[in-house]
Amino acid sequence: MNFNLINYKLIKFIKSINKIKDLPKDKCIEIAFIGYSNVGKSNTINTLSGIKKIAFTGKKPGTTKLINLYQIIKNFYLIDFPGYGFSNISLKNKNKHTFLLNRYIKKRKSLKGIIILMDIRQKLKKLDINIIKKTIKKKLIIVLLNKADKLSNNKKTIKKKYFKNEIKKYNNNINIQTFSSINNEGLKILKKKINIWLALNIHLLK
């Protein structure tokens, strides 16, 4: 299979869930999109697919309340997790989201790649650090410094260096790339990385 020829426009929304047990049978390939609310997870999935509204986005942070599943081809799913750190939800729901995400990262065999989105204009935050620590044994991780279109090239270089220096304190195996859903910066690299993950797990696509 030539993964460079995968048509991401074939993406289909499968379902929204709030329990790990409602995920597909644990013998597939899943790429998880995680990060703080309002960092652009859903927009990134839209950009990856080339379809503007396949992943629901909203004007307010915290639009994604459930775990959303999208299928590209048989046995290949993108998983959009609720954003963490959004203050306008109850502590009970925050704890539930954190529990689900931690359990998913720790237990899910189908998880083959993790894409952590961060706002390039911000600093590395506490919950991002916690996730990075939990994923230290997983090498297949990308940090996307999203909203790169908001900064000049010089400032992007400075911020990327900052994130690299901070993240390597906790995990030195993470690939860090700038990204923008506005001008598609980093889109080709993201697709290439995902295609590599698919190639490493080709037996699961049969």
N, C-alpha and C. Protein backbone atom coordinates (compact mmCIF):
# COMPACT_ATOMS: atom_id res chain seq x y z
N MET A 1 0.84 -1.20 0.00
CA MET A 1 0.00 0.00 0.00
C MET A 1 0.87 1.25 0.00
N ASN A 2 0.57 2.15 -0.92
CA ASN A 2 1.29 3.42 -0.98
C ASN A 2 0.55 4.45 -0.13
N PHE A 3 1.07 4.73 1.06
CA PHE A 3 0.37 5.61 1.99
C PHE A 3 0.35 7.06 1.50
N ASN A 4 1.25 7.39 0.59
CA ASN A 4 1.25 8.75 0.04
C ASN A 4 0.02 9.01 -0.82
N LEU A 5 -0.66 7.92 -1.19
CA LEU A 5 -1.83 8.05 -2.05
C LEU A 5 -3.14 7.99 -1.25
N ILE A 6 -3.04 7.92 0.07
CA ILE A 6 -4.26 7.90 0.88
C ILE A 6 -5.03 9.20 0.70
N ASN A 7 -6.30 9.07 0.40
CA ASN A 7 -7.16 10.24 0.19
C ASN A 7 -7.84 10.58 1.51
N TYR A 8 -7.35 11.59 2.20
CA TYR A 8 -7.92 11.97 3.49
C TYR A 8 -9.31 12.57 3.36
N LYS A 9 -9.70 12.90 2.13
CA LYS A 9 -11.05 13.42 1.92
C LYS A 9 -12.11 12.32 2.05
N LEU A 10 -11.66 11.07 2.14
CA LEU A 10 -12.58 9.97 2.36
C LEU A 10 -13.00 9.86 3.82
N ILE A 11 -12.51 10.76 4.64
CA ILE A 11 -12.78 10.73 6.08
C ILE A 11 -14.29 10.69 6.36
N LYS A 12 -14.66 9.89 7.35
CA LYS A 12 -16.06 9.79 7.76
C LYS A 12 -16.15 9.93 9.28
N PHE A 13 -17.10 10.74 9.72
CA PHE A 13 -17.39 10.79 11.15
C PHE A 13 -18.12 9.51 11.52
N ILE A 14 -17.60 8.80 12.54
CA ILE A 14 -18.20 7.52 12.93
C ILE A 14 -19.16 7.69 14.10
N LYS A 15 -18.67 8.26 15.19
CA LYS A 15 -19.54 8.44 16.35
C LYS A 15 -18.82 9.25 17.42
N SER A 16 -19.60 9.71 18.40
CA SER A 16 -19.07 10.36 19.59
C SER A 16 -19.31 9.43 20.78
N ILE A 17 -18.32 9.31 21.64
CA ILE A 17 -18.44 8.40 22.77
C ILE A 17 -17.94 9.10 24.04
N ASN A 18 -18.29 8.53 25.18
CA ASN A 18 -17.75 9.04 26.44
C ASN A 18 -17.19 7.92 27.31
N LYS A 19 -17.02 6.74 26.68
CA LYS A 19 -16.44 5.60 27.38
C LYS A 19 -15.44 4.89 26.47
N ILE A 20 -14.31 4.50 27.02
CA ILE A 20 -13.29 3.82 26.23
C ILE A 20 -13.81 2.53 25.64
N LYS A 21 -14.68 1.84 26.36
CA LYS A 21 -15.19 0.55 25.89
C LYS A 21 -16.01 0.68 24.60
N ASP A 22 -16.43 1.90 24.27
CA ASP A 22 -17.21 2.11 23.05
C ASP A 22 -16.35 2.37 21.82
N LEU A 23 -15.02 2.35 21.99
CA LEU A 23 -14.12 2.46 20.85
C LEU A 23 -14.17 1.19 20.02
N PRO A 24 -13.67 1.23 18.78
CA PRO A 24 -13.64 0.01 17.96
C PRO A 24 -12.80 -1.08 18.63
N LYS A 25 -12.92 -2.28 18.14
CA LYS A 25 -12.13 -3.40 18.65
C LYS A 25 -10.65 -3.01 18.65
N ASP A 26 -9.95 -3.36 19.71
CA ASP A 26 -8.59 -2.87 19.93
C ASP A 26 -7.55 -3.58 19.05
N LYS A 27 -7.83 -3.58 17.74
CA LYS A 27 -6.90 -4.19 16.78
C LYS A 27 -6.88 -3.34 15.51
N CYS A 28 -6.71 -2.04 15.68
CA CYS A 28 -6.69 -1.14 14.54
C CYS A 28 -5.57 -0.12 14.73
N ILE A 29 -5.59 0.95 13.93
CA ILE A 29 -4.61 2.03 14.06
C ILE A 29 -5.36 3.30 14.43
N GLU A 30 -4.96 3.90 15.54
CA GLU A 30 -5.59 5.13 15.99
C GLU A 30 -4.53 6.21 16.20
N ILE A 31 -4.81 7.39 15.68
CA ILE A 31 -3.98 8.57 15.89
C ILE A 31 -4.80 9.54 16.73
N ALA A 32 -4.29 9.89 17.91
CA ALA A 32 -5.05 10.72 18.84
C ALA A 32 -4.60 12.17 18.76
N PHE A 33 -5.57 13.08 18.73
CA PHE A 33 -5.33 14.52 18.76
C PHE A 33 -5.73 15.02 20.14
N ILE A 34 -4.77 15.57 20.88
CA ILE A 34 -5.04 16.02 22.23
C ILE A 34 -4.42 17.39 22.46
N GLY A 35 -4.84 18.04 23.53
CA GLY A 35 -4.30 19.36 23.86
C GLY A 35 -5.32 20.19 24.61
N TYR A 36 -4.91 21.36 25.03
CA TYR A 36 -5.81 22.28 25.71
C TYR A 36 -6.96 22.67 24.79
N SER A 37 -8.06 23.07 25.40
CA SER A 37 -9.16 23.63 24.62
C SER A 37 -8.68 24.88 23.88
N ASN A 38 -9.22 25.07 22.69
CA ASN A 38 -8.93 26.25 21.87
C ASN A 38 -7.54 26.27 21.27
N VAL A 39 -6.88 25.09 21.16
CA VAL A 39 -5.59 25.04 20.45
C VAL A 39 -5.78 24.64 19.00
N GLY A 40 -6.99 24.21 18.64
CA GLY A 40 -7.28 23.93 17.23
C GLY A 40 -7.22 22.48 16.82
N LYS A 41 -7.58 21.55 17.72
CA LYS A 41 -7.55 20.13 17.37
C LYS A 41 -8.51 19.81 16.22
N SER A 42 -9.75 20.26 16.37
CA SER A 42 -10.75 19.97 15.34
C SER A 42 -10.40 20.64 14.02
N ASN A 43 -9.91 21.87 14.07
CA ASN A 43 -9.49 22.55 12.85
C ASN A 43 -8.34 21.81 12.17
N THR A 44 -7.46 21.23 12.96
CA THR A 44 -6.34 20.48 12.39
C THR A 44 -6.83 19.24 11.65
N ILE A 45 -7.83 18.56 12.22
CA ILE A 45 -8.41 17.41 11.53
C ILE A 45 -9.09 17.86 10.24
N ASN A 46 -9.78 18.99 10.28
CA ASN A 46 -10.40 19.53 9.06
C ASN A 46 -9.35 19.83 8.00
N THR A 47 -8.24 20.42 8.43
CA THR A 47 -7.16 20.75 7.49
C THR A 47 -6.52 19.50 6.92
N LEU A 48 -6.31 18.51 7.76
CA LEU A 48 -5.72 17.25 7.31
C LEU A 48 -6.60 16.56 6.28
N SER A 49 -7.91 16.62 6.48
CA SER A 49 -8.83 15.95 5.57
C SER A 49 -9.12 16.79 4.33
N GLY A 50 -8.93 18.10 4.44
CA GLY A 50 -9.28 18.98 3.32
C GLY A 50 -10.76 19.29 3.27
N ILE A 51 -11.48 18.93 4.37
CA ILE A 51 -12.92 19.20 4.46
C ILE A 51 -13.14 20.12 5.65
N LYS A 52 -13.70 21.28 5.40
CA LYS A 52 -13.75 22.33 6.41
C LYS A 52 -14.54 21.97 7.66
N LYS A 53 -15.62 21.24 7.53
CA LYS A 53 -16.51 21.07 8.66
C LYS A 53 -16.74 19.61 9.04
N ILE A 54 -15.80 18.72 8.69
CA ILE A 54 -15.96 17.32 9.09
C ILE A 54 -15.85 17.19 10.59
N ALA A 55 -14.91 17.94 11.20
CA ALA A 55 -14.79 17.97 12.66
C ALA A 55 -15.44 19.24 13.15
N PHE A 56 -16.35 19.11 14.10
CA PHE A 56 -17.13 20.26 14.55
C PHE A 56 -16.26 21.22 15.36
N THR A 57 -16.33 22.48 14.99
CA THR A 57 -15.61 23.52 15.73
C THR A 57 -16.60 24.57 16.18
N GLY A 58 -16.22 25.33 17.19
CA GLY A 58 -17.10 26.37 17.70
C GLY A 58 -16.33 27.64 18.02
N LYS A 59 -17.05 28.70 18.22
CA LYS A 59 -16.42 29.98 18.52
C LYS A 59 -15.88 30.02 19.94
N LYS A 60 -16.46 29.18 20.82
CA LYS A 60 -16.02 29.17 22.20
C LYS A 60 -15.14 27.96 22.47
N PRO A 61 -14.12 28.10 23.35
CA PRO A 61 -13.30 26.95 23.72
C PRO A 61 -14.15 25.87 24.38
N GLY A 62 -13.70 24.61 24.21
CA GLY A 62 -14.40 23.52 24.88
C GLY A 62 -15.57 22.97 24.10
N THR A 63 -15.62 23.22 22.79
CA THR A 63 -16.73 22.74 21.98
C THR A 63 -16.78 21.21 21.98
N THR A 64 -15.62 20.57 21.88
CA THR A 64 -15.57 19.11 21.87
C THR A 64 -15.73 18.60 23.29
N LYS A 65 -16.90 18.02 23.59
CA LYS A 65 -17.18 17.52 24.93
C LYS A 65 -17.00 16.00 25.01
N LEU A 66 -17.10 15.32 23.86
CA LEU A 66 -17.00 13.87 23.81
C LEU A 66 -15.78 13.46 22.99
N ILE A 67 -15.46 12.19 23.02
CA ILE A 67 -14.40 11.65 22.17
C ILE A 67 -15.01 11.39 20.81
N ASN A 68 -14.49 12.04 19.77
CA ASN A 68 -15.03 11.90 18.42
C ASN A 68 -14.14 11.02 17.56
N LEU A 69 -14.75 10.09 16.85
CA LEU A 69 -14.02 9.15 16.01
C LEU A 69 -14.26 9.46 14.54
N TYR A 70 -13.17 9.47 13.78
CA TYR A 70 -13.23 9.67 12.34
C TYR A 70 -12.44 8.56 11.66
N GLN A 71 -13.02 7.96 10.64
CA GLN A 71 -12.36 6.89 9.92
C GLN A 71 -11.88 7.38 8.56
N ILE A 72 -10.62 7.05 8.23
CA ILE A 72 -10.06 7.41 6.92
C ILE A 72 -10.22 6.24 5.96
N ILE A 73 -9.65 5.11 6.31
CA ILE A 73 -9.81 3.85 5.59
C ILE A 73 -10.09 2.77 6.62
N LYS A 74 -10.36 1.57 6.19
CA LYS A 74 -10.66 0.48 7.10
C LYS A 74 -9.56 0.32 8.15
N ASN A 75 -9.96 0.31 9.41
CA ASN A 75 -9.06 0.09 10.55
C ASN A 75 -8.11 1.25 10.83
N PHE A 76 -8.36 2.43 10.26
CA PHE A 76 -7.53 3.60 10.52
C PHE A 76 -8.42 4.75 10.97
N TYR A 77 -8.22 5.19 12.22
CA TYR A 77 -9.08 6.19 12.84
C TYR A 77 -8.28 7.38 13.37
N LEU A 78 -8.88 8.55 13.27
CA LEU A 78 -8.40 9.73 13.98
C LEU A 78 -9.32 9.92 15.19
N ILE A 79 -8.71 10.16 16.36
CA ILE A 79 -9.46 10.30 17.59
C ILE A 79 -9.29 11.71 18.12
N ASP A 80 -10.39 12.44 18.23
CA ASP A 80 -10.37 13.83 18.71
C ASP A 80 -10.87 13.86 20.14
N PHE A 81 -9.94 14.10 21.08
CA PHE A 81 -10.29 14.12 22.49
C PHE A 81 -10.77 15.51 22.93
N PRO A 82 -11.63 15.54 23.94
CA PRO A 82 -12.01 16.85 24.50
C PRO A 82 -10.77 17.60 25.00
N GLY A 83 -10.77 18.90 24.82
CA GLY A 83 -9.64 19.70 25.28
C GLY A 83 -9.57 19.71 26.80
N TYR A 84 -8.36 19.71 27.32
CA TYR A 84 -8.23 19.79 28.77
C TYR A 84 -7.93 21.23 29.19
N GLY A 85 -8.24 21.52 30.43
CA GLY A 85 -7.92 22.82 30.98
C GLY A 85 -8.96 23.90 30.77
N PHE A 86 -10.10 23.59 30.16
CA PHE A 86 -11.13 24.62 29.93
C PHE A 86 -11.88 24.88 31.22
N SER A 87 -11.94 26.12 31.63
CA SER A 87 -12.46 26.47 32.96
C SER A 87 -13.98 26.46 33.06
N ASN A 88 -14.68 26.46 31.93
CA ASN A 88 -16.14 26.62 31.97
C ASN A 88 -16.89 25.28 31.94
N ILE A 89 -16.26 24.23 32.48
CA ILE A 89 -16.94 22.96 32.69
C ILE A 89 -16.73 22.56 34.13
N SER A 90 -17.56 21.67 34.63
CA SER A 90 -17.50 21.30 36.03
C SER A 90 -16.22 20.52 36.33
N LEU A 91 -15.82 20.56 37.60
CA LEU A 91 -14.65 19.80 38.03
C LEU A 91 -14.86 18.31 37.79
N LYS A 92 -16.10 17.85 37.97
CA LYS A 92 -16.42 16.44 37.73
C LYS A 92 -16.12 16.05 36.29
N ASN A 93 -16.54 16.89 35.34
CA ASN A 93 -16.29 16.60 33.93
C ASN A 93 -14.81 16.71 33.59
N LYS A 94 -14.13 17.68 34.19
CA LYS A 94 -12.68 17.80 33.97
C LYS A 94 -11.97 16.52 34.40
N ASN A 95 -12.33 16.04 35.59
CA ASN A 95 -11.70 14.83 36.11
C ASN A 95 -12.02 13.62 35.23
N LYS A 96 -13.25 13.59 34.72
CA LYS A 96 -13.66 12.49 33.84
C LYS A 96 -12.85 12.52 32.55
N HIS A 97 -12.70 13.70 31.95
CA HIS A 97 -11.91 13.82 30.72
C HIS A 97 -10.47 13.38 30.96
N THR A 98 -9.89 13.82 32.08
CA THR A 98 -8.50 13.46 32.40
C THR A 98 -8.36 11.96 32.60
N PHE A 99 -9.31 11.36 33.30
CA PHE A 99 -9.29 9.92 33.55
C PHE A 99 -9.35 9.15 32.23
N LEU A 100 -10.28 9.54 31.36
CA LEU A 100 -10.43 8.86 30.08
C LEU A 100 -9.16 8.95 29.24
N LEU A 101 -8.57 10.14 29.19
CA LEU A 101 -7.37 10.34 28.38
C LEU A 101 -6.21 9.53 28.95
N ASN A 102 -6.02 9.57 30.25
CA ASN A 102 -4.93 8.82 30.87
C ASN A 102 -5.08 7.31 30.67
N ARG A 103 -6.31 6.85 30.81
CA ARG A 103 -6.57 5.42 30.61
C ARG A 103 -6.33 5.02 29.16
N TYR A 104 -6.77 5.87 28.26
CA TYR A 104 -6.60 5.60 26.83
C TYR A 104 -5.12 5.50 26.47
N ILE A 105 -4.33 6.46 26.91
CA ILE A 105 -2.90 6.47 26.61
C ILE A 105 -2.20 5.24 27.20
N LYS A 106 -2.60 4.86 28.39
CA LYS A 106 -1.93 3.77 29.09
C LYS A 106 -2.34 2.40 28.57
N LYS A 107 -3.63 2.23 28.25
CA LYS A 107 -4.16 0.89 27.99
C LYS A 107 -4.40 0.56 26.52
N ARG A 108 -4.63 1.57 25.70
CA ARG A 108 -5.11 1.32 24.34
C ARG A 108 -4.00 0.82 23.42
N LYS A 109 -4.09 -0.42 22.97
CA LYS A 109 -3.08 -1.01 22.10
C LYS A 109 -3.12 -0.43 20.70
N SER A 110 -4.31 -0.01 20.27
CA SER A 110 -4.46 0.52 18.92
C SER A 110 -3.86 1.92 18.76
N LEU A 111 -3.54 2.57 19.86
CA LEU A 111 -2.95 3.91 19.79
C LEU A 111 -1.54 3.82 19.23
N LYS A 112 -1.35 4.31 18.03
CA LYS A 112 -0.06 4.20 17.35
C LYS A 112 0.63 5.55 17.17
N GLY A 113 -0.05 6.62 17.46
CA GLY A 113 0.57 7.94 17.33
C GLY A 113 -0.22 8.98 18.10
N ILE A 114 0.49 9.90 18.73
CA ILE A 114 -0.15 10.95 19.51
C ILE A 114 0.28 12.30 18.95
N ILE A 115 -0.70 13.13 18.65
CA ILE A 115 -0.44 14.49 18.17
C ILE A 115 -0.91 15.46 19.24
N ILE A 116 0.05 16.12 19.88
CA ILE A 116 -0.27 17.09 20.93
C ILE A 116 -0.23 18.48 20.33
N LEU A 117 -1.34 19.17 20.36
CA LEU A 117 -1.39 20.53 19.82
C LEU A 117 -1.15 21.56 20.92
N MET A 118 -0.35 22.56 20.60
CA MET A 118 -0.08 23.66 21.52
C MET A 118 -0.14 24.96 20.74
N ASP A 119 -0.57 26.01 21.40
CA ASP A 119 -0.59 27.34 20.80
C ASP A 119 0.83 27.89 20.83
N ILE A 120 1.41 28.13 19.66
CA ILE A 120 2.80 28.55 19.57
C ILE A 120 3.05 29.86 20.31
N ARG A 121 2.00 30.65 20.53
CA ARG A 121 2.16 31.94 21.18
C ARG A 121 2.25 31.83 22.70
N GLN A 122 1.90 30.64 23.21
CA GLN A 122 1.88 30.44 24.65
C GLN A 122 3.17 29.77 25.13
N LYS A 123 3.24 29.48 26.42
CA LYS A 123 4.34 28.72 26.98
C LYS A 123 3.90 27.28 27.21
N LEU A 124 4.86 26.40 27.42
CA LEU A 124 4.54 25.03 27.76
C LEU A 124 3.78 25.00 29.09
N LYS A 125 2.61 24.35 29.09
CA LYS A 125 1.75 24.40 30.27
C LYS A 125 1.77 23.10 31.06
N LYS A 126 1.25 23.19 32.28
CA LYS A 126 1.32 22.09 33.24
C LYS A 126 0.70 20.80 32.71
N LEU A 127 -0.51 20.90 32.15
CA LEU A 127 -1.19 19.69 31.70
C LEU A 127 -0.50 19.08 30.48
N ASP A 128 0.09 19.92 29.64
CA ASP A 128 0.89 19.39 28.53
C ASP A 128 2.09 18.61 29.06
N ILE A 129 2.75 19.14 30.07
CA ILE A 129 3.89 18.47 30.68
C ILE A 129 3.47 17.12 31.26
N ASN A 130 2.32 17.09 31.92
CA ASN A 130 1.82 15.83 32.49
C ASN A 130 1.61 14.77 31.42
N ILE A 131 1.03 15.19 30.28
CA ILE A 131 0.80 14.26 29.18
C ILE A 131 2.13 13.78 28.61
N ILE A 132 3.07 14.69 28.43
CA ILE A 132 4.39 14.33 27.88
C ILE A 132 5.08 13.31 28.78
N LYS A 133 4.96 13.48 30.08
CA LYS A 133 5.56 12.54 31.02
C LYS A 133 4.91 11.16 30.91
N LYS A 134 3.59 11.15 30.73
CA LYS A 134 2.87 9.89 30.64
C LYS A 134 3.19 9.14 29.34
N THR A 135 3.59 9.87 28.33
CA THR A 135 3.84 9.25 27.03
C THR A 135 5.34 9.03 26.78
N ILE A 136 6.14 9.09 27.83
CA ILE A 136 7.58 9.04 27.66
C ILE A 136 8.06 7.73 27.02
N LYS A 137 7.28 6.66 27.20
CA LYS A 137 7.66 5.37 26.62
C LYS A 137 7.18 5.21 25.19
N LYS A 138 6.38 6.16 24.73
CA LYS A 138 5.87 6.10 23.36
C LYS A 138 6.67 7.07 22.49
N LYS A 139 7.36 6.54 21.49
CA LYS A 139 8.22 7.37 20.65
C LYS A 139 7.45 8.09 19.55
N LEU A 140 6.27 7.58 19.23
CA LEU A 140 5.54 8.12 18.09
C LEU A 140 4.65 9.28 18.53
N ILE A 141 5.29 10.41 18.76
CA ILE A 141 4.59 11.60 19.23
C ILE A 141 5.03 12.81 18.41
N ILE A 142 4.07 13.64 18.05
CA ILE A 142 4.35 14.91 17.39
C ILE A 142 3.74 16.03 18.23
N VAL A 143 4.48 17.07 18.46
CA VAL A 143 3.91 18.29 19.01
C VAL A 143 3.73 19.27 17.86
N LEU A 144 2.50 19.68 17.64
CA LEU A 144 2.22 20.69 16.61
C LEU A 144 2.07 22.05 17.28
N LEU A 145 2.96 22.96 16.95
CA LEU A 145 2.87 24.33 17.46
C LEU A 145 1.92 25.08 16.54
N ASN A 146 0.65 25.05 16.90
CA ASN A 146 -0.41 25.55 16.04
C ASN A 146 -0.51 27.07 16.08
N LYS A 147 -1.23 27.60 15.09
CA LYS A 147 -1.46 29.04 14.93
C LYS A 147 -0.16 29.78 14.60
N ALA A 148 0.71 29.07 13.86
CA ALA A 148 2.00 29.65 13.49
C ALA A 148 1.85 30.86 12.57
N ASP A 149 0.71 30.97 11.89
CA ASP A 149 0.47 32.12 11.01
C ASP A 149 0.37 33.43 11.79
N LYS A 150 0.20 33.33 13.10
CA LYS A 150 0.06 34.54 13.93
C LYS A 150 1.41 35.20 14.23
N LEU A 151 2.51 34.51 13.92
CA LEU A 151 3.84 35.04 14.26
C LEU A 151 4.70 35.24 13.02
N SER A 152 5.66 36.14 13.12
CA SER A 152 6.65 36.32 12.06
C SER A 152 7.58 35.11 12.04
N ASN A 153 8.31 34.96 10.95
CA ASN A 153 9.25 33.84 10.84
C ASN A 153 10.29 33.87 11.95
N ASN A 154 10.77 35.05 12.29
CA ASN A 154 11.77 35.19 13.34
C ASN A 154 11.20 34.74 14.70
N LYS A 155 9.98 35.18 15.01
CA LYS A 155 9.36 34.82 16.28
C LYS A 155 9.02 33.33 16.32
N LYS A 156 8.64 32.75 15.17
CA LYS A 156 8.37 31.31 15.11
C LYS A 156 9.62 30.52 15.44
N THR A 157 10.75 30.94 14.89
CA THR A 157 12.02 30.26 15.16
C THR A 157 12.35 30.30 16.64
N ILE A 158 12.16 31.46 17.25
CA ILE A 158 12.44 31.63 18.68
C ILE A 158 11.53 30.74 19.52
N LYS A 159 10.23 30.73 19.19
CA LYS A 159 9.28 29.95 19.97
C LYS A 159 9.50 28.45 19.79
N LYS A 160 9.84 28.03 18.58
CA LYS A 160 10.09 26.61 18.35
C LYS A 160 11.30 26.15 19.16
N LYS A 161 12.34 26.97 19.20
CA LYS A 161 13.52 26.65 20.00
C LYS A 161 13.16 26.56 21.47
N TYR A 162 12.32 27.48 21.93
CA TYR A 162 11.88 27.47 23.32
C TYR A 162 11.17 26.16 23.66
N PHE A 163 10.19 25.77 22.82
CA PHE A 163 9.45 24.54 23.08
C PHE A 163 10.36 23.31 23.04
N LYS A 164 11.30 23.28 22.10
CA LYS A 164 12.23 22.15 22.02
C LYS A 164 13.03 22.02 23.30
N ASN A 165 13.55 23.14 23.78
CA ASN A 165 14.37 23.12 24.99
C ASN A 165 13.57 22.70 26.21
N GLU A 166 12.32 23.14 26.28
CA GLU A 166 11.49 22.80 27.43
C GLU A 166 11.03 21.34 27.38
N ILE A 167 10.59 20.90 26.22
CA ILE A 167 10.04 19.55 26.10
C ILE A 167 11.09 18.48 26.30
N LYS A 168 12.32 18.73 25.83
CA LYS A 168 13.36 17.71 25.96
C LYS A 168 13.76 17.46 27.41
N LYS A 169 13.34 18.32 28.32
CA LYS A 169 13.57 18.08 29.74
C LYS A 169 12.79 16.86 30.23
N TYR A 170 11.70 16.55 29.52
CA TYR A 170 10.82 15.48 29.93
C TYR A 170 10.83 14.30 28.96
N ASN A 171 11.00 14.58 27.69
CA ASN A 171 10.98 13.53 26.67
C ASN A 171 11.76 14.02 25.45
N ASN A 172 12.81 13.31 25.12
CA ASN A 172 13.69 13.75 24.03
C ASN A 172 13.35 13.08 22.71
N ASN A 173 12.24 12.31 22.69
CA ASN A 173 11.87 11.56 21.48
C ASN A 173 10.70 12.18 20.73
N ILE A 174 10.35 13.41 21.07
CA ILE A 174 9.18 14.04 20.47
C ILE A 174 9.57 14.95 19.31
N ASN A 175 8.90 14.74 18.19
CA ASN A 175 9.09 15.59 17.03
C ASN A 175 8.25 16.85 17.18
N ILE A 176 8.83 18.01 16.92
CA ILE A 176 8.15 19.29 17.12
C ILE A 176 8.09 20.05 15.79
N GLN A 177 6.88 20.44 15.37
CA GLN A 177 6.69 21.11 14.10
C GLN A 177 5.74 22.30 14.26
N THR A 178 5.98 23.34 13.48
CA THR A 178 5.02 24.44 13.42
C THR A 178 3.88 24.05 12.50
N PHE A 179 2.70 24.63 12.75
CA PHE A 179 1.52 24.25 11.98
C PHE A 179 0.54 25.42 11.92
N SER A 180 -0.21 25.47 10.86
CA SER A 180 -1.28 26.48 10.74
C SER A 180 -2.40 25.93 9.86
N SER A 181 -3.61 26.01 10.38
CA SER A 181 -4.78 25.63 9.58
C SER A 181 -5.18 26.73 8.61
N ILE A 182 -4.61 27.91 8.78
CA ILE A 182 -4.93 29.05 7.91
C ILE A 182 -4.19 28.96 6.58
N ASN A 183 -2.89 28.68 6.64
CA ASN A 183 -2.10 28.64 5.40
C ASN A 183 -1.49 27.27 5.12
N ASN A 184 -1.91 26.25 5.86
CA ASN A 184 -1.46 24.86 5.66
C ASN A 184 0.02 24.64 5.97
N GLU A 185 0.62 25.54 6.71
CA GLU A 185 2.01 25.34 7.11
C GLU A 185 2.12 24.05 7.92
N GLY A 186 3.06 23.20 7.53
CA GLY A 186 3.30 21.96 8.26
C GLY A 186 2.40 20.81 7.87
N LEU A 187 1.45 21.03 6.96
CA LEU A 187 0.50 19.99 6.60
C LEU A 187 1.18 18.81 5.91
N LYS A 188 2.07 19.08 4.97
CA LYS A 188 2.77 17.99 4.26
C LYS A 188 3.60 17.16 5.23
N ILE A 189 4.26 17.82 6.16
CA ILE A 189 5.07 17.10 7.14
C ILE A 189 4.19 16.23 8.03
N LEU A 190 3.05 16.77 8.46
CA LEU A 190 2.13 16.00 9.30
C LEU A 190 1.65 14.75 8.57
N LYS A 191 1.25 14.89 7.31
CA LYS A 191 0.80 13.73 6.54
C LYS A 191 1.93 12.71 6.39
N LYS A 192 3.15 13.19 6.16
CA LYS A 192 4.29 12.28 6.02
C LYS A 192 4.52 11.49 7.29
N LYS A 193 4.44 12.16 8.44
CA LYS A 193 4.64 11.48 9.72
C LYS A 193 3.57 10.42 9.96
N ILE A 194 2.32 10.79 9.69
CA ILE A 194 1.23 9.84 9.87
C ILE A 194 1.39 8.65 8.93
N ASN A 195 1.81 8.91 7.70
CA ASN A 195 2.03 7.83 6.74
C ASN A 195 3.12 6.87 7.21
N ILE A 196 4.13 7.39 7.87
CA ILE A 196 5.19 6.54 8.44
C ILE A 196 4.61 5.66 9.54
N TRP A 197 3.77 6.25 10.40
CA TRP A 197 3.12 5.46 11.45
C TRP A 197 2.27 4.34 10.85
N LEU A 198 1.57 4.65 9.78
CA LEU A 198 0.75 3.64 9.12
C LEU A 198 1.62 2.51 8.56
N ALA A 199 2.71 2.89 7.93
CA ALA A 199 3.61 1.90 7.34
C ALA A 199 4.18 0.95 8.39
N LEU A 200 4.43 1.47 9.57
CA LEU A 200 4.98 0.66 10.67
C LEU A 200 3.94 -0.33 11.21
N ASN A 201 2.68 -0.08 10.90
CA ASN A 201 1.60 -0.93 11.43
C ASN A 201 0.70 -1.46 10.31
N ILE A 202 1.28 -1.68 9.17
CA ILE A 202 0.51 -2.06 7.98
C ILE A 202 -0.29 -3.32 8.19
N HIS A 203 0.18 -4.23 9.04
CA HIS A 203 -0.52 -5.50 9.26
C HIS A 203 -1.90 -5.29 9.87
N LEU A 204 -2.11 -4.14 10.50
CA LEU A 204 -3.40 -3.87 11.14
C LEU A 204 -4.44 -3.31 10.17
N LEU A 205 -4.01 -3.01 8.95
CA LEU A 205 -4.94 -2.43 7.97
C LEU A 205 -5.58 -3.49 7.08
N LYS A 206 -5.22 -4.73 7.29
CA LYS A 206 -5.77 -5.80 6.43
C LYS A 206 -7.19 -6.15 6.84
